[in-house]
């Protein structure tokens, strides 16, 4: 299992809380964060939305790290746009839901950067 950076975990949990306040999604995301079989290809049902959230959070973190080689503080719009281009819409999540996840995780990742 590959360790997930704390920032990715925080961002993924923030997206889960935004999409399903007080619901089961947070638990599913936690399980996915600790799964040894994490993959971006398995979104078979609503439980696998957790896998999608973790994948988006991981991609957003990677994009942020890469953009920091060009600018010290990448803008949220730049990070979100790059993630939207690189992460396709799937049949199991609407474009609106995907964009909500992207916006929440990007905001959380950049907020974590500001706090450090």
C-alpha atoms as a PDB file:
ATOM      1  CA  UNK A   1       0.000   0.000   0.000  1.00  0.00           C
ATOM      2  CA  UNK A   2       1.270   3.451  -0.861  1.00  0.00           C
ATOM      3  CA  UNK A   3       0.998   5.958   1.972  1.00  0.00           C
ATOM      4  CA  UNK A   4      -1.348   8.842   1.282  1.00  0.00           C
ATOM      5  CA  UNK A   5      -0.023  12.307   2.197  1.00  0.00           C
ATOM      6  CA  UNK A   6      -1.907  13.910   5.100  1.00  0.00           C
ATOM      7  CA  UNK A   7      -3.002  16.740   2.818  1.00  0.00           C
ATOM      8  CA  UNK A   8      -4.674  14.277   0.454  1.00  0.00           C
ATOM      9  CA  UNK A   9      -6.486  12.593   3.341  1.00  0.00           C
ATOM     10  CA  UNK A  10      -7.677  15.923   4.734  1.00  0.00           C
ATOM     11  CA  UNK A  11      -8.891  17.103   1.334  1.00  0.00           C
ATOM     12  CA  UNK A  12     -10.643  13.817   0.565  1.00  0.00           C
ATOM     13  CA  UNK A  13     -12.449  13.851   3.906  1.00  0.00           C
ATOM     14  CA  UNK A  14     -13.486  17.480   3.374  1.00  0.00           C
ATOM     15  CA  UNK A  15     -15.012  16.526   0.014  1.00  0.00           C
ATOM     16  CA  UNK A  16     -16.850  13.582   1.587  1.00  0.00           C
ATOM     17  CA  UNK A  17     -18.242  15.832   4.314  1.00  0.00           C
ATOM     18  CA  UNK A  18     -19.379  18.369   1.718  1.00  0.00           C
ATOM     19  CA  UNK A  19     -21.084  15.768  -0.473  1.00  0.00           C
ATOM     20  CA  UNK A  20     -22.694  13.713   2.317  1.00  0.00           C
ATOM     21  CA  UNK A  21     -22.744  15.611   5.631  1.00  0.00           C
ATOM     22  CA  UNK A  22     -23.031  13.170   8.518  1.00  0.00           C
ATOM     23  CA  UNK A  23     -23.428  10.253   6.125  1.00  0.00           C
ATOM     24  CA  UNK A  24     -21.580   7.078   5.323  1.00  0.00           C
ATOM     25  CA  UNK A  25     -19.334   8.577   2.638  1.00  0.00           C
ATOM     26  CA  UNK A  26     -16.754   9.795   5.192  1.00  0.00           C
ATOM     27  CA  UNK A  27     -16.390   6.216   6.487  1.00  0.00           C
ATOM     28  CA  UNK A  28     -16.031   4.912   2.939  1.00  0.00           C
ATOM     29  CA  UNK A  29     -13.361   7.511   2.179  1.00  0.00           C
ATOM     30  CA  UNK A  30     -11.443   6.543   5.323  1.00  0.00           C
ATOM     31  CA  UNK A  31     -11.602   2.907   4.267  1.00  0.00           C
ATOM     32  CA  UNK A  32     -10.376   3.805   0.780  1.00  0.00           C
ATOM     33  CA  UNK A  33      -7.515   5.888   2.189  1.00  0.00           C
ATOM     34  CA  UNK A  34      -6.284   2.803   4.034  1.00  0.00           C
ATOM     35  CA  UNK A  35      -7.021   0.287   1.281  1.00  0.00           C
ATOM     36  CA  UNK A  36      -4.174  -1.696  -0.202  1.00  0.00           C
ATOM     37  CA  UNK A  37      -6.121  -2.035  -3.477  1.00  0.00           C
ATOM     38  CA  UNK A  38      -6.608   1.641  -4.283  1.00  0.00           C
ATOM     39  CA  UNK A  39      -7.095   2.217  -8.005  1.00  0.00           C
ATOM     40  CA  UNK A  40      -8.742   4.859 -10.171  1.00  0.00           C
ATOM     41  CA  UNK A  41     -10.526   2.241 -12.279  1.00  0.00           C
ATOM     42  CA  UNK A  42     -13.002   0.842  -9.758  1.00  0.00           C
ATOM     43  CA  UNK A  43     -16.114   2.991  -9.448  1.00  0.00           C
ATOM     44  CA  UNK A  44     -18.763   0.267  -9.635  1.00  0.00           C
ATOM     45  CA  UNK A  45     -21.286   1.652  -7.160  1.00  0.00           C
ATOM     46  CA  UNK A  46     -21.919   4.487  -4.751  1.00  0.00           C
ATOM     47  CA  UNK A  47     -19.427   3.092  -2.227  1.00  0.00           C
ATOM     48  CA  UNK A  48     -16.727   3.516  -4.840  1.00  0.00           C
ATOM     49  CA  UNK A  49     -17.373   7.254  -4.931  1.00  0.00           C
ATOM     50  CA  UNK A  50     -14.958   7.208  -1.986  1.00  0.00           C
ATOM     51  CA  UNK A  51     -12.278   5.823  -4.315  1.00  0.00           C
ATOM     52  CA  UNK A  52     -13.042   8.582  -6.788  1.00  0.00           C
ATOM     53  CA  UNK A  53     -12.716  11.254  -4.083  1.00  0.00           C
ATOM     54  CA  UNK A  54      -9.352   9.880  -2.949  1.00  0.00           C
ATOM     55  CA  UNK A  55      -8.164   9.720  -6.576  1.00  0.00           C
ATOM     56  CA  UNK A  56      -9.172  13.316  -7.226  1.00  0.00           C
ATOM     57  CA  UNK A  57      -7.541  14.464  -3.988  1.00  0.00           C
ATOM     58  CA  UNK A  58      -4.332  12.644  -4.889  1.00  0.00           C
ATOM     59  CA  UNK A  59      -4.318  14.133  -8.383  1.00  0.00           C
ATOM     60  CA  UNK A  60      -5.016  17.632  -7.040  1.00  0.00           C
ATOM     61  CA  UNK A  61      -2.145  17.303  -4.569  1.00  0.00           C
ATOM     62  CA  UNK A  62       0.202  16.098  -7.327  1.00  0.00           C
ATOM     63  CA  UNK A  63      -0.847  18.939  -9.629  1.00  0.00           C
ATOM     64  CA  UNK A  64      -0.277  21.449  -6.813  1.00  0.00           C
ATOM     65  CA  UNK A  65       3.194  20.075  -6.076  1.00  0.00           C
ATOM     66  CA  UNK A  66       4.086  20.174  -9.789  1.00  0.00           C
ATOM     67  CA  UNK A  67       2.787  23.720 -10.224  1.00  0.00           C
ATOM     68  CA  UNK A  68       4.872  24.858  -7.255  1.00  0.00           C
ATOM     69  CA  UNK A  69       7.952  24.263  -9.403  1.00  0.00           C
ATOM     70  CA  UNK A  70       6.724  27.152 -11.574  1.00  0.00           C
ATOM     71  CA  UNK A  71       5.140  29.424  -8.971  1.00  0.00           C
ATOM     72  CA  UNK A  72       5.316  29.451  -5.191  1.00  0.00           C
ATOM     73  CA  UNK A  73       1.552  29.765  -4.710  1.00  0.00           C
ATOM     74  CA  UNK A  74      -0.504  28.232  -7.508  1.00  0.00           C
ATOM     75  CA  UNK A  75      -3.990  29.689  -7.866  1.00  0.00           C
ATOM     76  CA  UNK A  76      -6.999  27.525  -7.053  1.00  0.00           C
ATOM     77  CA  UNK A  77      -8.462  28.109 -10.515  1.00  0.00           C
ATOM     78  CA  UNK A  78      -5.257  26.885 -12.166  1.00  0.00           C
ATOM     79  CA  UNK A  79      -5.069  23.726 -10.066  1.00  0.00           C
ATOM     80  CA  UNK A  80      -8.787  22.977 -10.492  1.00  0.00           C
ATOM     81  CA  UNK A  81      -8.646  23.496 -14.263  1.00  0.00           C
ATOM     82  CA  UNK A  82      -5.691  21.112 -14.603  1.00  0.00           C
ATOM     83  CA  UNK A  83      -7.440  18.471 -12.486  1.00  0.00           C
ATOM     84  CA  UNK A  84     -10.632  18.799 -14.558  1.00  0.00           C
ATOM     85  CA  UNK A  85      -8.634  18.274 -17.745  1.00  0.00           C
ATOM     86  CA  UNK A  86      -6.728  15.273 -16.384  1.00  0.00           C
ATOM     87  CA  UNK A  87      -9.586  13.571 -14.528  1.00  0.00           C
ATOM     88  CA  UNK A  88     -12.384  12.429 -16.824  1.00  0.00           C
ATOM     89  CA  UNK A  89     -16.058  12.392 -15.908  1.00  0.00           C
ATOM     90  CA  UNK A  90     -17.199   8.826 -15.225  1.00  0.00           C
ATOM     91  CA  UNK A  91     -20.613   7.219 -15.518  1.00  0.00           C
ATOM     92  CA  UNK A  92     -20.906   6.973 -11.737  1.00  0.00           C
ATOM     93  CA  UNK A  93     -20.615  10.662 -10.922  1.00  0.00           C
ATOM     94  CA  UNK A  94     -22.087  13.684 -12.618  1.00  0.00           C
ATOM     95  CA  UNK A  95     -19.861  16.481 -13.912  1.00  0.00           C
ATOM     96  CA  UNK A  96     -21.341  18.705 -11.208  1.00  0.00           C
ATOM     97  CA  UNK A  97     -20.427  16.239  -8.444  1.00  0.00           C
ATOM     98  CA  UNK A  98     -16.941  15.781  -9.870  1.00  0.00           C
ATOM     99  CA  UNK A  99     -16.472  19.554 -10.008  1.00  0.00           C
ATOM    100  CA  UNK A 100     -17.703  19.903  -6.408  1.00  0.00           C
ATOM    101  CA  UNK A 101     -15.154  17.319  -5.270  1.00  0.00           C
ATOM    102  CA  UNK A 102     -12.412  19.067  -7.241  1.00  0.00           C
ATOM    103  CA  UNK A 103     -13.295  22.496  -5.827  1.00  0.00           C
ATOM    104  CA  UNK A 104     -13.422  21.257  -2.233  1.00  0.00           C
ATOM    105  CA  UNK A 105     -10.171  19.277  -2.381  1.00  0.00           C
ATOM    106  CA  UNK A 106      -8.275  22.049  -4.184  1.00  0.00           C
ATOM    107  CA  UNK A 107      -9.438  24.630  -1.640  1.00  0.00           C
ATOM    108  CA  UNK A 108      -8.469  22.325   1.243  1.00  0.00           C
ATOM    109  CA  UNK A 109      -5.052  21.483  -0.222  1.00  0.00           C
ATOM    110  CA  UNK A 110      -4.230  25.148  -0.793  1.00  0.00           C
ATOM    111  CA  UNK A 111      -5.492  26.025   2.701  1.00  0.00           C
ATOM    112  CA  UNK A 112      -3.185  23.348   4.156  1.00  0.00           C
ATOM    113  CA  UNK A 113      -0.297  24.953   2.251  1.00  0.00           C
ATOM    114  CA  UNK A 114      -1.141  28.351   3.737  1.00  0.00           C
ATOM    115  CA  UNK A 115      -1.167  26.892   7.251  1.00  0.00           C
ATOM    116  CA  UNK A 116       2.364  25.493   6.861  1.00  0.00           C
END
